[in-house]
PDB file of N, CA and C in Angstrom:
ATOM      1  N   UNK A   1      20.941  10.360   3.322  1.00  0.00           N
ATOM      2  CA  UNK A   1      20.337  10.963   2.362  1.00  0.00           C
ATOM      3  C   UNK A   1      20.299  12.804   2.649  1.00  0.00           C
ATOM      4  N   UNK A   2      20.582  13.493   1.990  1.00  0.00           N
ATOM      5  CA  UNK A   2      20.869  15.375   3.211  1.00  0.00           C
ATOM      6  C   UNK A   2      19.545  16.006   2.410  1.00  0.00           C
ATOM      7  N   UNK A   3      19.751  16.298   3.749  1.00  0.00           N
ATOM      8  CA  UNK A   3      17.792  17.424   2.943  1.00  0.00           C
ATOM      9  C   UNK A   3      18.292  18.763   1.696  1.00  0.00           C
ATOM     10  N   UNK A   4      17.313  18.657   1.816  1.00  0.00           N
ATOM     11  CA  UNK A   4      17.658  19.595   0.445  1.00  0.00           C
ATOM     12  C   UNK A   4      17.170  21.418   1.002  1.00  0.00           C
ATOM     13  N   UNK A   5      16.464  21.254   2.257  1.00  0.00           N
ATOM     14  CA  UNK A   5      16.021  22.632   2.496  1.00  0.00           C
ATOM     15  C   UNK A   5      16.359  22.558   4.152  1.00  0.00           C
ATOM     16  N   UNK A   6      16.823  23.706   4.810  1.00  0.00           N
ATOM     17  CA  UNK A   6      17.204  23.890   6.635  1.00  0.00           C
ATOM     18  C   UNK A   6      16.409  25.310   6.621  1.00  0.00           C
ATOM     19  N   UNK A   7      15.978  24.894   7.695  1.00  0.00           N
ATOM     20  CA  UNK A   7      15.464  26.802   8.487  1.00  0.00           C
ATOM     21  C   UNK A   7      15.012  26.299   9.792  1.00  0.00           C
ATOM     22  N   UNK A   8      16.077  27.677  10.383  1.00  0.00           N
ATOM     23  CA  UNK A   8      15.786  28.196  12.133  1.00  0.00           C
ATOM     24  C   UNK A   8      15.322  29.127  12.159  1.00  0.00           C
ATOM     25  N   UNK A   9      14.078  29.202  12.901  1.00  0.00           N
ATOM     26  CA  UNK A   9      13.824  31.129  13.270  1.00  0.00           C
ATOM     27  C   UNK A   9      13.202  30.817  14.608  1.00  0.00           C
ATOM     28  N   UNK A  10      13.402  31.889  15.107  1.00  0.00           N
ATOM     29  CA  UNK A  10      13.070  32.024  16.782  1.00  0.00           C
ATOM     30  C   UNK A  10      12.038  32.887  16.846  1.00  0.00           C
ATOM     31  N   UNK A  11      10.998  32.843  17.582  1.00  0.00           N
ATOM     32  CA  UNK A  11       9.606  33.715  17.966  1.00  0.00           C
ATOM     33  C   UNK A  11       9.136  33.583  19.367  1.00  0.00           C
ATOM     34  N   UNK A  12       8.452  34.989  19.512  1.00  0.00           N
ATOM     35  CA  UNK A  12       7.475  34.296  21.137  1.00  0.00           C
ATOM     36  C   UNK A  12       6.103  33.912  20.972  1.00  0.00           C
ATOM     37  N   UNK A  13       5.141  33.107  21.662  1.00  0.00           N
ATOM     38  CA  UNK A  13       4.293  32.757  21.986  1.00  0.00           C
ATOM     39  C   UNK A  13       3.745  33.234  22.828  1.00  0.00           C
ATOM     40  N   UNK A  14       2.302  33.783  22.891  1.00  0.00           N
ATOM     41  CA  UNK A  14       1.865  34.265  24.056  1.00  0.00           C
ATOM     42  C   UNK A  14       1.170  33.032  24.802  1.00  0.00           C
ATOM     43  N   UNK A  15       1.560  33.328  25.754  1.00  0.00           N
ATOM     44  CA  UNK A  15       0.839  32.447  26.869  1.00  0.00           C
ATOM     45  C   UNK A  15      -0.144  32.394  27.865  1.00  0.00           C
ATOM     46  N   UNK A  16      -0.995  31.300  28.190  1.00  0.00           N
ATOM     47  CA  UNK A  16      -2.511  30.869  28.150  1.00  0.00           C
ATOM     48  C   UNK A  16      -2.286  32.170  29.363  1.00  0.00           C
ATOM     49  N   UNK A  17      -1.931  32.246  30.637  1.00  0.00           N
ATOM     50  CA  UNK A  17      -2.296  33.412  31.543  1.00  0.00           C
ATOM     51  C   UNK A  17      -1.681  34.702  30.586  1.00  0.00           C
ATOM     52  N   UNK A  18      -2.385  35.579  31.091  1.00  0.00           N
ATOM     53  CA  UNK A  18      -2.237  36.973  30.179  1.00  0.00           C
ATOM     54  C   UNK A  18      -0.687  37.370  30.662  1.00  0.00           C
ATOM     55  N   UNK A  19       0.140  37.658  30.522  1.00  0.00           N
ATOM     56  CA  UNK A  19       1.459  38.324  30.676  1.00  0.00           C
ATOM     57  C   UNK A  19       1.813  39.284  29.826  1.00  0.00           C
ATOM     58  N   UNK A  20       2.625  40.079  30.366  1.00  0.00           N
ATOM     59  CA  UNK A  20       3.641  40.871  29.172  1.00  0.00           C
ATOM     60  C   UNK A  20       4.766  40.124  28.757  1.00  0.00           C
ATOM     61  N   UNK A  21       5.080  39.530  29.173  1.00  0.00           N
ATOM     62  CA  UNK A  21       6.467  38.418  29.091  1.00  0.00           C
ATOM     63  C   UNK A  21       5.690  37.380  27.984  1.00  0.00           C
ATOM     64  N   UNK A  22       6.261  37.261  27.076  1.00  0.00           N
ATOM     65  CA  UNK A  22       5.895  35.975  26.131  1.00  0.00           C
ATOM     66  C   UNK A  22       6.840  34.621  26.409  1.00  0.00           C
ATOM     67  N   UNK A  23       6.600  33.548  26.017  1.00  0.00           N
ATOM     68  CA  UNK A  23       7.541  31.970  26.303  1.00  0.00           C
ATOM     69  C   UNK A  23       8.148  32.329  24.156  1.00  0.00           C
ATOM     70  N   UNK A  24       9.586  32.343  24.425  1.00  0.00           N
ATOM     71  CA  UNK A  24      10.598  32.321  23.547  1.00  0.00           C
ATOM     72  C   UNK A  24      10.753  30.428  22.839  1.00  0.00           C
ATOM     73  N   UNK A  25      10.273  30.607  21.908  1.00  0.00           N
ATOM     74  CA  UNK A  25      10.203  29.562  21.073  1.00  0.00           C
ATOM     75  C   UNK A  25      11.218  29.336  19.087  1.00  0.00           C
ATOM     76  N   UNK A  26      11.608  28.367  19.108  1.00  0.00           N
ATOM     77  CA  UNK A  26      12.408  27.922  17.931  1.00  0.00           C
ATOM     78  C   UNK A  26      11.530  27.003  17.158  1.00  0.00           C
ATOM     79  N   UNK A  27      11.907  27.087  15.752  1.00  0.00           N
ATOM     80  CA  UNK A  27      11.018  26.186  14.892  1.00  0.00           C
ATOM     81  C   UNK A  27      12.401  25.775  14.084  1.00  0.00           C
ATOM     82  N   UNK A  28      12.749  24.578  13.354  1.00  0.00           N
ATOM     83  CA  UNK A  28      13.251  23.956  12.621  1.00  0.00           C
ATOM     84  C   UNK A  28      12.717  23.438  11.888  1.00  0.00           C
ATOM     85  N   UNK A  29      12.994  23.747  10.652  1.00  0.00           N
ATOM     86  CA  UNK A  29      12.159  23.204   9.102  1.00  0.00           C
ATOM     87  C   UNK A  29      13.803  22.169   8.116  1.00  0.00           C
ATOM     88  N   UNK A  30      12.595  21.014   8.453  1.00  0.00           N
ATOM     89  CA  UNK A  30      13.484  20.670   7.779  1.00  0.00           C
ATOM     90  C   UNK A  30      12.479  19.808   6.061  1.00  0.00           C
ATOM     91  N   UNK A  31      12.760  20.277   4.981  1.00  0.00           N
ATOM     92  CA  UNK A  31      12.279  19.705   4.300  1.00  0.00           C
ATOM     93  C   UNK A  31      10.586  20.246   4.023  1.00  0.00           C
ATOM     94  N   UNK A  32      10.571  21.050   4.892  1.00  0.00           N
ATOM     95  CA  UNK A  32       8.881  21.091   5.117  1.00  0.00           C
ATOM     96  C   UNK A  32       8.711  20.603   6.040  1.00  0.00           C
ATOM     97  N   UNK A  33       9.230  19.913   6.392  1.00  0.00           N
ATOM     98  CA  UNK A  33       8.667  19.254   8.394  1.00  0.00           C
ATOM     99  C   UNK A  33       8.929  20.282   9.173  1.00  0.00           C
ATOM    100  N   UNK A  34       7.845  20.319   9.756  1.00  0.00           N
ATOM    101  CA  UNK A  34       8.170  21.850  10.871  1.00  0.00           C
ATOM    102  C   UNK A  34       8.017  21.185  12.568  1.00  0.00           C
ATOM    103  N   UNK A  35       9.131  21.631  13.099  1.00  0.00           N
ATOM    104  CA  UNK A  35       9.349  20.929  14.433  1.00  0.00           C
ATOM    105  C   UNK A  35       9.468  22.434  15.296  1.00  0.00           C
ATOM    106  N   UNK A  36       8.516  22.199  16.823  1.00  0.00           N
ATOM    107  CA  UNK A  36       8.979  23.649  17.456  1.00  0.00           C
ATOM    108  C   UNK A  36       9.677  22.787  18.696  1.00  0.00           C
ATOM    109  N   UNK A  37      10.185  23.898  19.751  1.00  0.00           N
ATOM    110  CA  UNK A  37      10.265  23.253  21.102  1.00  0.00           C
ATOM    111  C   UNK A  37      10.677  25.362  21.955  1.00  0.00           C
ATOM    112  N   UNK A  38      10.191  25.132  23.044  1.00  0.00           N
ATOM    113  CA  UNK A  38      10.670  25.823  23.874  1.00  0.00           C
ATOM    114  C   UNK A  38      11.988  25.991  24.079  1.00  0.00           C
ATOM    115  N   UNK A  39      12.389  27.539  24.378  1.00  0.00           N
ATOM    116  CA  UNK A  39      13.684  27.181  24.922  1.00  0.00           C
ATOM    117  C   UNK A  39      14.033  27.868  26.342  1.00  0.00           C
ATOM    118  N   UNK A  40      12.764  27.629  27.043  1.00  0.00           N
ATOM    119  CA  UNK A  40      12.274  27.713  28.300  1.00  0.00           C
ATOM    120  C   UNK A  40      12.897  29.435  29.110  1.00  0.00           C
ATOM    121  N   UNK A  41      12.858  30.497  27.788  1.00  0.00           N
ATOM    122  CA  UNK A  41      12.718  31.330  28.403  1.00  0.00           C
ATOM    123  C   UNK A  41      11.758  32.682  27.604  1.00  0.00           C
ATOM    124  N   UNK A  42      11.834  33.516  28.694  1.00  0.00           N
ATOM    125  CA  UNK A  42      10.163  34.437  28.769  1.00  0.00           C
ATOM    126  C   UNK A  42      11.037  36.118  28.077  1.00  0.00           C
ATOM    127  N   UNK A  43      10.356  36.386  27.652  1.00  0.00           N
ATOM    128  CA  UNK A  43      10.212  37.662  27.208  1.00  0.00           C
ATOM    129  C   UNK A  43       9.499  38.854  26.899  1.00  0.00           C
ATOM    130  N   UNK A  44       9.805  40.111  26.841  1.00  0.00           N
ATOM    131  CA  UNK A  44       8.812  41.650  26.697  1.00  0.00           C
ATOM    132  C   UNK A  44       8.741  41.571  25.208  1.00  0.00           C
ATOM    133  N   UNK A  45       7.067  41.330  24.687  1.00  0.00           N
ATOM    134  CA  UNK A  45       6.647  41.259  23.536  1.00  0.00           C
ATOM    135  C   UNK A  45       7.121  42.754  22.608  1.00  0.00           C
ATOM    136  N   UNK A  46       7.229  43.862  23.616  1.00  0.00           N
ATOM    137  CA  UNK A  46       7.423  44.955  23.179  1.00  0.00           C
ATOM    138  C   UNK A  46       8.587  45.040  22.863  1.00  0.00           C
ATOM    139  N   UNK A  47       9.563  44.350  23.146  1.00  0.00           N
ATOM    140  CA  UNK A  47      11.174  44.781  23.028  1.00  0.00           C
ATOM    141  C   UNK A  47      11.799  43.473  21.921  1.00  0.00           C
ATOM    142  N   UNK A  48      10.712  42.662  21.507  1.00  0.00           N
ATOM    143  CA  UNK A  48      11.114  41.987  20.473  1.00  0.00           C
ATOM    144  C   UNK A  48      10.884  42.371  18.862  1.00  0.00           C
ATOM    145  N   UNK A  49      12.086  42.441  18.277  1.00  0.00           N
ATOM    146  CA  UNK A  49      11.729  42.746  16.534  1.00  0.00           C
ATOM    147  C   UNK A  49      11.600  41.095  16.265  1.00  0.00           C
ATOM    148  N   UNK A  50      10.624  40.510  15.269  1.00  0.00           N
ATOM    149  CA  UNK A  50      10.430  39.622  14.901  1.00  0.00           C
ATOM    150  C   UNK A  50      11.034  39.919  13.497  1.00  0.00           C
ATOM    151  N   UNK A  51      11.502  40.517  12.232  1.00  0.00           N
ATOM    152  CA  UNK A  51      11.897  40.579  11.072  1.00  0.00           C
ATOM    153  C   UNK A  51      13.562  40.038  11.534  1.00  0.00           C
ATOM    154  N   UNK A  52      14.251  40.913  12.164  1.00  0.00           N
ATOM    155  CA  UNK A  52      15.518  40.156  12.391  1.00  0.00           C
ATOM    156  C   UNK A  52      16.155  38.795  13.530  1.00  0.00           C
ATOM    157  N   UNK A  53      14.347  38.685  14.248  1.00  0.00           N
ATOM    158  CA  UNK A  53      14.639  37.182  15.436  1.00  0.00           C
ATOM    159  C   UNK A  53      15.173  37.750  16.492  1.00  0.00           C
ATOM    160  N   UNK A  54      15.427  39.386  17.020  1.00  0.00           N
ATOM    161  CA  UNK A  54      15.995  39.281  17.819  1.00  0.00           C
ATOM    162  C   UNK A  54      15.672  40.343  19.275  1.00  0.00           C
ATOM    163  N   UNK A  55      16.245  40.363  20.357  1.00  0.00           N
ATOM    164  CA  UNK A  55      15.628  41.103  21.112  1.00  0.00           C
ATOM    165  C   UNK A  55      16.228  43.166  21.046  1.00  0.00           C
ATOM    166  N   UNK A  56      15.289  44.137  21.493  1.00  0.00           N
ATOM    167  CA  UNK A  56      15.218  44.785  20.949  1.00  0.00           C
ATOM    168  C   UNK A  56      16.009  45.805  22.262  1.00  0.00           C
ATOM    169  N   UNK A  57      17.119  46.696  22.420  1.00  0.00           N
ATOM    170  CA  UNK A  57      17.725  47.054  23.479  1.00  0.00           C
ATOM    171  C   UNK A  57      19.298  46.731  23.621  1.00  0.00           C
ATOM    172  N   UNK A  58      19.769  47.680  24.089  1.00  0.00           N
ATOM    173  CA  UNK A  58      21.070  47.934  24.178  1.00  0.00           C
ATOM    174  C   UNK A  58      21.263  47.745  25.569  1.00  0.00           C
ATOM    175  N   UNK A  59      20.210  46.954  27.059  1.00  0.00           N
ATOM    176  CA  UNK A  59      20.539  46.923  28.062  1.00  0.00           C
ATOM    177  C   UNK A  59      21.093  45.006  28.042  1.00  0.00           C
ATOM    178  N   UNK A  60      21.412  45.002  29.721  1.00  0.00           N
ATOM    179  CA  UNK A  60      22.401  43.983  29.524  1.00  0.00           C
ATOM    180  C   UNK A  60      21.639  42.432  29.710  1.00  0.00           C
ATOM    181  N   UNK A  61      20.119  42.915  29.580  1.00  0.00           N
ATOM    182  CA  UNK A  61      19.645  41.387  29.952  1.00  0.00           C
ATOM    183  C   UNK A  61      19.450  41.580  27.672  1.00  0.00           C
ATOM    184  N   UNK A  62      18.436  42.464  27.233  1.00  0.00           N
ATOM    185  CA  UNK A  62      18.913  42.052  25.962  1.00  0.00           C
ATOM    186  C   UNK A  62      19.902  41.180  24.641  1.00  0.00           C
ATOM    187  N   UNK A  63      20.379  42.040  25.641  1.00  0.00           N
ATOM    188  CA  UNK A  63      22.749  41.858  25.186  1.00  0.00           C
ATOM    189  C   UNK A  63      22.874  40.010  25.285  1.00  0.00           C
ATOM    190  N   UNK A  64      22.493  39.590  26.243  1.00  0.00           N
ATOM    191  CA  UNK A  64      22.634  38.533  26.930  1.00  0.00           C
ATOM    192  C   UNK A  64      21.309  37.529  26.215  1.00  0.00           C
ATOM    193  N   UNK A  65      19.981  37.677  26.001  1.00  0.00           N
ATOM    194  CA  UNK A  65      19.572  36.986  25.271  1.00  0.00           C
ATOM    195  C   UNK A  65      20.106  37.043  23.596  1.00  0.00           C
ATOM    196  N   UNK A  66      20.303  37.589  23.587  1.00  0.00           N
ATOM    197  CA  UNK A  66      21.238  37.966  21.854  1.00  0.00           C
ATOM    198  C   UNK A  66      21.787  36.653  21.433  1.00  0.00           C
ATOM    199  N   UNK A  67      22.833  36.851  23.314  1.00  0.00           N
ATOM    200  CA  UNK A  67      24.003  36.059  23.272  1.00  0.00           C
ATOM    201  C   UNK A  67      23.846  34.795  23.389  1.00  0.00           C
ATOM    202  N   UNK A  68      22.914  34.284  23.523  1.00  0.00           N
ATOM    203  CA  UNK A  68      21.846  32.845  23.854  1.00  0.00           C
ATOM    204  C   UNK A  68      21.602  32.420  22.544  1.00  0.00           C
ATOM    205  N   UNK A  69      20.676  33.351  21.874  1.00  0.00           N
ATOM    206  CA  UNK A  69      20.330  32.901  20.762  1.00  0.00           C
ATOM    207  C   UNK A  69      21.420  33.000  19.522  1.00  0.00           C
ATOM    208  N   UNK A  70      22.499  33.272  19.230  1.00  0.00           N
ATOM    209  CA  UNK A  70      23.302  33.003  18.549  1.00  0.00           C
ATOM    210  C   UNK A  70      24.683  32.016  18.848  1.00  0.00           C
ATOM    211  N   UNK A  71      24.544  31.456  20.393  1.00  0.00           N
ATOM    212  CA  UNK A  71      25.233  29.870  20.443  1.00  0.00           C
ATOM    213  C   UNK A  71      24.376  28.910  20.506  1.00  0.00           C
ATOM    214  N   UNK A  72      22.770  29.368  20.550  1.00  0.00           N
ATOM    215  CA  UNK A  72      22.131  28.538  20.323  1.00  0.00           C
ATOM    216  C   UNK A  72      21.893  27.913  18.944  1.00  0.00           C
ATOM    217  N   UNK A  73      21.970  28.856  17.545  1.00  0.00           N
ATOM    218  CA  UNK A  73      22.058  28.938  16.719  1.00  0.00           C
ATOM    219  C   UNK A  73      23.679  28.028  15.996  1.00  0.00           C
ATOM    220  N   UNK A  74      24.357  28.345  16.969  1.00  0.00           N
ATOM    221  CA  UNK A  74      25.966  27.437  16.407  1.00  0.00           C
ATOM    222  C   UNK A  74      25.621  26.187  16.548  1.00  0.00           C
ATOM    223  N   UNK A  75      24.863  26.141  17.523  1.00  0.00           N
ATOM    224  CA  UNK A  75      24.797  25.103  18.376  1.00  0.00           C
ATOM    225  C   UNK A  75      24.208  23.817  17.392  1.00  0.00           C
ATOM    226  N   UNK A  76      22.739  24.618  16.562  1.00  0.00           N
ATOM    227  CA  UNK A  76      22.025  23.611  15.981  1.00  0.00           C
ATOM    228  C   UNK A  76      22.916  23.572  14.711  1.00  0.00           C
ATOM    229  N   UNK A  77      24.081  24.384  13.668  1.00  0.00           N
ATOM    230  CA  UNK A  77      23.822  24.245  13.033  1.00  0.00           C
ATOM    231  C   UNK A  77      25.258  23.249  13.172  1.00  0.00           C
ATOM    232  N   UNK A  78      25.718  23.032  14.212  1.00  0.00           N
ATOM    233  CA  UNK A  78      26.913  22.120  14.158  1.00  0.00           C
ATOM    234  C   UNK A  78      26.605  20.532  13.805  1.00  0.00           C
ATOM    235  N   UNK A  79      25.328  20.612  14.709  1.00  0.00           N
ATOM    236  CA  UNK A  79      24.692  19.170  15.178  1.00  0.00           C
ATOM    237  C   UNK A  79      23.617  18.606  13.862  1.00  0.00           C
ATOM    238  N   UNK A  80      23.155  19.473  12.698  1.00  0.00           N
ATOM    239  CA  UNK A  80      22.895  19.199  11.324  1.00  0.00           C
ATOM    240  C   UNK A  80      23.395  18.388  10.798  1.00  0.00           C
ATOM    241  N   UNK A  81      23.351  17.744   9.599  1.00  0.00           N
ATOM    242  CA  UNK A  81      24.210  16.998   8.797  1.00  0.00           C
ATOM    243  C   UNK A  81      24.772  17.863   7.547  1.00  0.00           C
ATOM    244  N   UNK A  82      25.721  18.135   7.234  1.00  0.00           N
ATOM    245  CA  UNK A  82      26.640  18.959   5.588  1.00  0.00           C
ATOM    246  C   UNK A  82      25.661  18.365   5.035  1.00  0.00           C
TER     247      UNK A  82
END
């Protein structure tokens, strides 16, 4: 049976210890069932644009993180059933 809905989103979560860098997570939702997992990456919360779920800036670190997020999105879309 194929899923009727599929969603993928990226977001930052505050660590328990107060830091400027937060932990980057992704959430997959299939038919209303949500699962979250960490990407094992940290990012400055002031340099994150939640509306587009991307890192802000033109520095190499922001470009690298956005490339990582794009490649992770492609991999997840390849794995999901059609």
